[in-house]
Amino acid sequence: MMPELADLYQELLLDHYRRPRNRRRLDDANHTAEGHNPLCGDHVHIYLKVEEDVVTDVTFEGGGCAISTASASVMTETLRGKTLAEAKTIFKQVHAMLTGQSVEFREDPHLRKLEVFSGVCRYPARVKCATLAWHTFEAALDEKRGTVTTE
């Protein structure tokens, strides 16, 4: 990755950490799940409103490291307005990218910001931080009970 692009990605990540988008309780959510990363203490609660197979709103509460918070923030922006099928496909792409598989988001320029997390795969302990919100989102969609954990 070119140094200028790496700097831009780092800026985006820090911006979402310092000013997380959609960090609030969603009182009319019809899907929720809680997640915890015991390794570093990250915790997240995901709230979804799904209507007619579309994620009409997605928010989060919780706290954690910069990567965990930024990932949750970017995720909420990315998945709002997506169909359930699109959301599940994006989840699979993000998970593949975070675990070191080659993924390109060229087909949708809005998804390109997810590439900010592409370098996380080089730091195995941080992969759990970046995937926590995503796994919790998936658990909320699937209405799984209990706390999602990265362990």
C-alpha atoms as a PDB file:
ATOM      1  CA  MET A   1       0.000   0.000   0.000  1.00  0.00           C
ATOM      2  CA  MET A   2       1.312   3.437  -0.899  1.00  0.00           C
ATOM      3  CA  PRO A   3       2.306   5.554   2.120  1.00  0.00           C
ATOM      4  CA  GLU A   4      -0.171   8.318   1.211  1.00  0.00           C
ATOM      5  CA  LEU A   5      -3.009   5.797   1.046  1.00  0.00           C
ATOM      6  CA  ALA A   6      -1.949   4.236   4.354  1.00  0.00           C
ATOM      7  CA  ASP A   7      -2.005   7.710   5.941  1.00  0.00           C
ATOM      8  CA  LEU A   8      -5.468   8.376   4.526  1.00  0.00           C
ATOM      9  CA  TYR A   9      -6.726   5.046   5.866  1.00  0.00           C
ATOM     10  CA  GLN A  10      -5.229   5.754   9.281  1.00  0.00           C
ATOM     11  CA  GLU A  11      -6.962   9.159   9.316  1.00  0.00           C
ATOM     12  CA  LEU A  12     -10.312   7.532   8.478  1.00  0.00           C
ATOM     13  CA  LEU A  13      -9.879   4.951  11.229  1.00  0.00           C
ATOM     14  CA  LEU A  14      -8.955   7.595  13.813  1.00  0.00           C
ATOM     15  CA  ASP A  15     -11.848   9.817  12.748  1.00  0.00           C
ATOM     16  CA  HIS A  16     -14.345   6.987  13.297  1.00  0.00           C
ATOM     17  CA  TYR A  17     -12.738   6.232  16.665  1.00  0.00           C
ATOM     18  CA  ARG A  18     -12.813   9.831  17.862  1.00  0.00           C
ATOM     19  CA  ARG A  19     -16.249  10.614  16.419  1.00  0.00           C
ATOM     20  CA  PRO A  20     -18.094   7.310  16.092  1.00  0.00           C
ATOM     21  CA  ARG A  21     -21.150   7.418  13.876  1.00  0.00           C
ATOM     22  CA  ASN A  22     -24.443   5.926  15.040  1.00  0.00           C
ATOM     23  CA  ARG A  23     -23.267   5.326  18.601  1.00  0.00           C
ATOM     24  CA  ARG A  24     -26.568   5.314  20.421  1.00  0.00           C
ATOM     25  CA  ARG A  25     -29.330   3.041  21.613  1.00  0.00           C
ATOM     26  CA  LEU A  26     -32.022   2.304  19.043  1.00  0.00           C
ATOM     27  CA  ASP A  27     -35.243   2.090  21.020  1.00  0.00           C
ATOM     28  CA  ASP A  28     -37.323   0.612  18.192  1.00  0.00           C
ATOM     29  CA  ALA A  29     -34.772  -2.062  17.249  1.00  0.00           C
ATOM     30  CA  ASN A  30     -36.274  -5.425  16.383  1.00  0.00           C
ATOM     31  CA  HIS A  31     -32.938  -7.298  16.477  1.00  0.00           C
ATOM     32  CA  THR A  32     -30.184  -6.891  19.065  1.00  0.00           C
ATOM     33  CA  ALA A  33     -27.088  -8.708  20.211  1.00  0.00           C
ATOM     34  CA  GLU A  34     -24.254  -8.170  22.626  1.00  0.00           C
ATOM     35  CA  GLY A  35     -20.587  -8.911  21.996  1.00  0.00           C
ATOM     36  CA  HIS A  36     -17.459  -9.049  24.137  1.00  0.00           C
ATOM     37  CA  ASN A  37     -13.761  -9.472  23.447  1.00  0.00           C
ATOM     38  CA  PRO A  38     -12.303 -10.726  26.742  1.00  0.00           C
ATOM     39  CA  LEU A  39      -8.744 -10.406  25.433  1.00  0.00           C
ATOM     40  CA  CYS A  40      -8.794  -6.612  25.462  1.00  0.00           C
ATOM     41  CA  GLY A  41     -12.132  -5.743  27.068  1.00  0.00           C
ATOM     42  CA  ASP A  42     -13.975  -4.485  23.973  1.00  0.00           C
ATOM     43  CA  HIS A  43     -17.732  -4.725  24.323  1.00  0.00           C
ATOM     44  CA  VAL A  44     -20.505  -3.803  21.914  1.00  0.00           C
ATOM     45  CA  HIS A  45     -24.269  -3.897  21.768  1.00  0.00           C
ATOM     46  CA  ILE A  46     -25.700  -3.855  18.240  1.00  0.00           C
ATOM     47  CA  TYR A  47     -29.224  -2.613  17.539  1.00  0.00           C
ATOM     48  CA  LEU A  48     -30.956  -3.293  14.216  1.00  0.00           C
ATOM     49  CA  LYS A  49     -34.208  -2.286  12.717  1.00  0.00           C
ATOM     50  CA  VAL A  50     -35.092  -4.615   9.859  1.00  0.00           C
ATOM     51  CA  GLU A  51     -38.175  -3.984   7.747  1.00  0.00           C
ATOM     52  CA  GLU A  52     -39.148  -6.061   4.713  1.00  0.00           C
ATOM     53  CA  ASP A  53     -35.680  -7.649   4.485  1.00  0.00           C
ATOM     54  CA  VAL A  54     -33.872  -4.288   4.587  1.00  0.00           C
ATOM     55  CA  VAL A  55     -31.636  -3.009   7.379  1.00  0.00           C
ATOM     56  CA  THR A  56     -33.348   0.354   7.813  1.00  0.00           C
ATOM     57  CA  ASP A  57     -31.250   1.350  10.824  1.00  0.00           C
ATOM     58  CA  VAL A  58     -28.241   0.010  12.697  1.00  0.00           C
ATOM     59  CA  THR A  59     -26.565   1.523  15.745  1.00  0.00           C
ATOM     60  CA  PHE A  60     -24.211   0.460  18.498  1.00  0.00           C
ATOM     61  CA  GLU A  61     -23.291   1.155  22.075  1.00  0.00           C
ATOM     62  CA  GLY A  62     -20.184   0.068  23.865  1.00  0.00           C
ATOM     63  CA  GLY A  63     -16.540   0.785  24.131  1.00  0.00           C
ATOM     64  CA  GLY A  64     -13.162  -0.514  23.349  1.00  0.00           C
ATOM     65  CA  CYS A  65      -9.992   0.135  21.472  1.00  0.00           C
ATOM     66  CA  ALA A  66      -9.704   2.363  18.405  1.00  0.00           C
ATOM     67  CA  ILE A  67     -10.032  -0.519  15.948  1.00  0.00           C
ATOM     68  CA  SER A  68     -13.099  -1.992  17.641  1.00  0.00           C
ATOM     69  CA  THR A  69     -14.914   1.343  17.879  1.00  0.00           C
ATOM     70  CA  ALA A  70     -13.981   2.432  14.350  1.00  0.00           C
ATOM     71  CA  SER A  71     -15.058  -0.925  12.953  1.00  0.00           C
ATOM     72  CA  ALA A  72     -18.480  -0.654  14.610  1.00  0.00           C
ATOM     73  CA  SER A  73     -18.875   2.918  13.350  1.00  0.00           C
ATOM     74  CA  VAL A  74     -17.934   2.097   9.746  1.00  0.00           C
ATOM     75  CA  MET A  75     -20.116  -1.007   9.877  1.00  0.00           C
ATOM     76  CA  THR A  76     -23.218   0.995  10.831  1.00  0.00           C
ATOM     77  CA  GLU A  77     -22.688   3.389   7.938  1.00  0.00           C
ATOM     78  CA  THR A  78     -22.023   0.554   5.518  1.00  0.00           C
ATOM     79  CA  LEU A  79     -24.973  -1.688   6.345  1.00  0.00           C
ATOM     80  CA  ARG A  80     -27.778   0.860   6.677  1.00  0.00           C
ATOM     81  CA  GLY A  81     -30.124   0.510   3.717  1.00  0.00           C
ATOM     82  CA  LYS A  82     -28.762  -2.857   2.614  1.00  0.00           C
ATOM     83  CA  THR A  83     -30.942  -5.887   2.060  1.00  0.00           C
ATOM     84  CA  LEU A  84     -30.325  -8.816   4.402  1.00  0.00           C
ATOM     85  CA  ALA A  85     -28.668 -10.705   1.523  1.00  0.00           C
ATOM     86  CA  GLU A  86     -26.364  -7.745   0.787  1.00  0.00           C
ATOM     87  CA  ALA A  87     -25.526  -7.343   4.479  1.00  0.00           C
ATOM     88  CA  LYS A  88     -24.612 -11.018   4.810  1.00  0.00           C
ATOM     89  CA  THR A  89     -22.444 -10.838   1.672  1.00  0.00           C
ATOM     90  CA  ILE A  90     -20.647  -7.761   3.008  1.00  0.00           C
ATOM     91  CA  PHE A  91     -20.115  -9.546   6.345  1.00  0.00           C
ATOM     92  CA  LYS A  92     -18.476 -12.467   4.509  1.00  0.00           C
ATOM     93  CA  GLN A  93     -16.274 -10.112   2.476  1.00  0.00           C
ATOM     94  CA  VAL A  94     -15.167  -8.170   5.541  1.00  0.00           C
ATOM     95  CA  HIS A  95     -14.465 -11.353   7.471  1.00  0.00           C
ATOM     96  CA  ALA A  96     -12.420 -12.713   4.564  1.00  0.00           C
ATOM     97  CA  MET A  97     -10.438  -9.471   4.300  1.00  0.00           C
ATOM     98  CA  LEU A  98      -9.772  -9.330   8.041  1.00  0.00           C
ATOM     99  CA  THR A  99      -8.498 -12.903   8.039  1.00  0.00           C
ATOM    100  CA  GLY A 100      -6.032 -12.224   5.238  1.00  0.00           C
ATOM    101  CA  GLN A 101      -7.932 -13.231   2.136  1.00  0.00           C
ATOM    102  CA  SER A 102      -7.842 -10.988  -0.909  1.00  0.00           C
ATOM    103  CA  VAL A 103     -11.048  -8.994  -1.289  1.00  0.00           C
ATOM    104  CA  GLU A 104     -11.793  -6.007  -3.494  1.00  0.00           C
ATOM    105  CA  PHE A 105     -14.694  -3.672  -2.941  1.00  0.00           C
ATOM    106  CA  ARG A 106     -14.435  -1.974  -6.347  1.00  0.00           C
ATOM    107  CA  GLU A 107     -18.003  -2.793  -7.349  1.00  0.00           C
ATOM    108  CA  ASP A 108     -19.315  -0.341  -4.741  1.00  0.00           C
ATOM    109  CA  PRO A 109     -17.297   2.798  -4.021  1.00  0.00           C
ATOM    110  CA  HIS A 110     -19.188   3.203  -0.728  1.00  0.00           C
ATOM    111  CA  LEU A 111     -17.707  -0.094   0.451  1.00  0.00           C
ATOM    112  CA  ARG A 112     -14.144   1.021  -0.339  1.00  0.00           C
ATOM    113  CA  LYS A 113     -13.820   2.584   3.118  1.00  0.00           C
ATOM    114  CA  LEU A 114     -13.884  -0.943   4.553  1.00  0.00           C
ATOM    115  CA  GLU A 115     -10.391  -1.381   3.110  1.00  0.00           C
ATOM    116  CA  VAL A 116      -9.134   0.799   5.974  1.00  0.00           C
ATOM    117  CA  PHE A 117      -9.132  -2.440   7.977  1.00  0.00           C
ATOM    118  CA  SER A 118      -7.209  -4.524   5.417  1.00  0.00           C
ATOM    119  CA  GLY A 119      -3.923  -4.263   7.319  1.00  0.00           C
ATOM    120  CA  VAL A 120      -5.454  -5.637  10.519  1.00  0.00           C
ATOM    121  CA  CYS A 121      -4.879  -9.220   9.345  1.00  0.00           C
ATOM    122  CA  ARG A 122      -1.147  -8.736  10.008  1.00  0.00           C
ATOM    123  CA  TYR A 123      -1.937  -8.407  13.740  1.00  0.00           C
ATOM    124  CA  PRO A 124      -3.877 -11.516  14.820  1.00  0.00           C
ATOM    125  CA  ALA A 125      -4.902 -10.122  18.232  1.00  0.00           C
ATOM    126  CA  ARG A 126      -6.394  -7.068  16.504  1.00  0.00           C
ATOM    127  CA  VAL A 127      -8.484  -9.151  14.098  1.00  0.00           C
ATOM    128  CA  LYS A 128     -10.763  -9.955  17.020  1.00  0.00           C
ATOM    129  CA  CYS A 129     -11.140  -6.241  17.742  1.00  0.00           C
ATOM    130  CA  ALA A 130     -12.104  -5.493  14.147  1.00  0.00           C
ATOM    131  CA  THR A 131     -14.511  -8.416  13.768  1.00  0.00           C
ATOM    132  CA  LEU A 132     -16.360  -8.082  17.077  1.00  0.00           C
ATOM    133  CA  ALA A 133     -19.049  -5.674  15.835  1.00  0.00           C
ATOM    134  CA  TRP A 134     -19.477  -7.658  12.627  1.00  0.00           C
ATOM    135  CA  HIS A 135     -19.962 -10.984  14.426  1.00  0.00           C
ATOM    136  CA  THR A 136     -22.354  -9.289  16.825  1.00  0.00           C
ATOM    137  CA  PHE A 137     -24.279  -7.857  13.864  1.00  0.00           C
ATOM    138  CA  GLU A 138     -24.541 -11.360  12.385  1.00  0.00           C
ATOM    139  CA  ALA A 139     -25.779 -12.725  15.744  1.00  0.00           C
ATOM    140  CA  ALA A 140     -28.411  -9.968  15.885  1.00  0.00           C
ATOM    141  CA  LEU A 141     -29.616 -10.858  12.376  1.00  0.00           C
ATOM    142  CA  ASP A 142     -29.790 -14.532  13.257  1.00  0.00           C
ATOM    143  CA  GLU A 143     -31.429 -13.713  16.623  1.00  0.00           C
ATOM    144  CA  LYS A 144     -28.817 -15.727  18.523  1.00  0.00           C
ATOM    145  CA  ARG A 145     -29.111 -15.620  22.291  1.00  0.00           C
ATOM    146  CA  GLY A 146     -26.215 -15.043  24.664  1.00  0.00           C
ATOM    147  CA  THR A 147     -23.150 -12.855  24.335  1.00  0.00           C
ATOM    148  CA  VAL A 148     -21.009 -13.136  21.225  1.00  0.00           C
ATOM    149  CA  THR A 149     -17.406 -13.622  22.223  1.00  0.00           C
ATOM    150  CA  THR A 150     -14.177 -13.561  20.254  1.00  0.00           C
ATOM    151  CA  GLU A 151     -12.743 -16.421  22.310  1.00  0.00           C
END
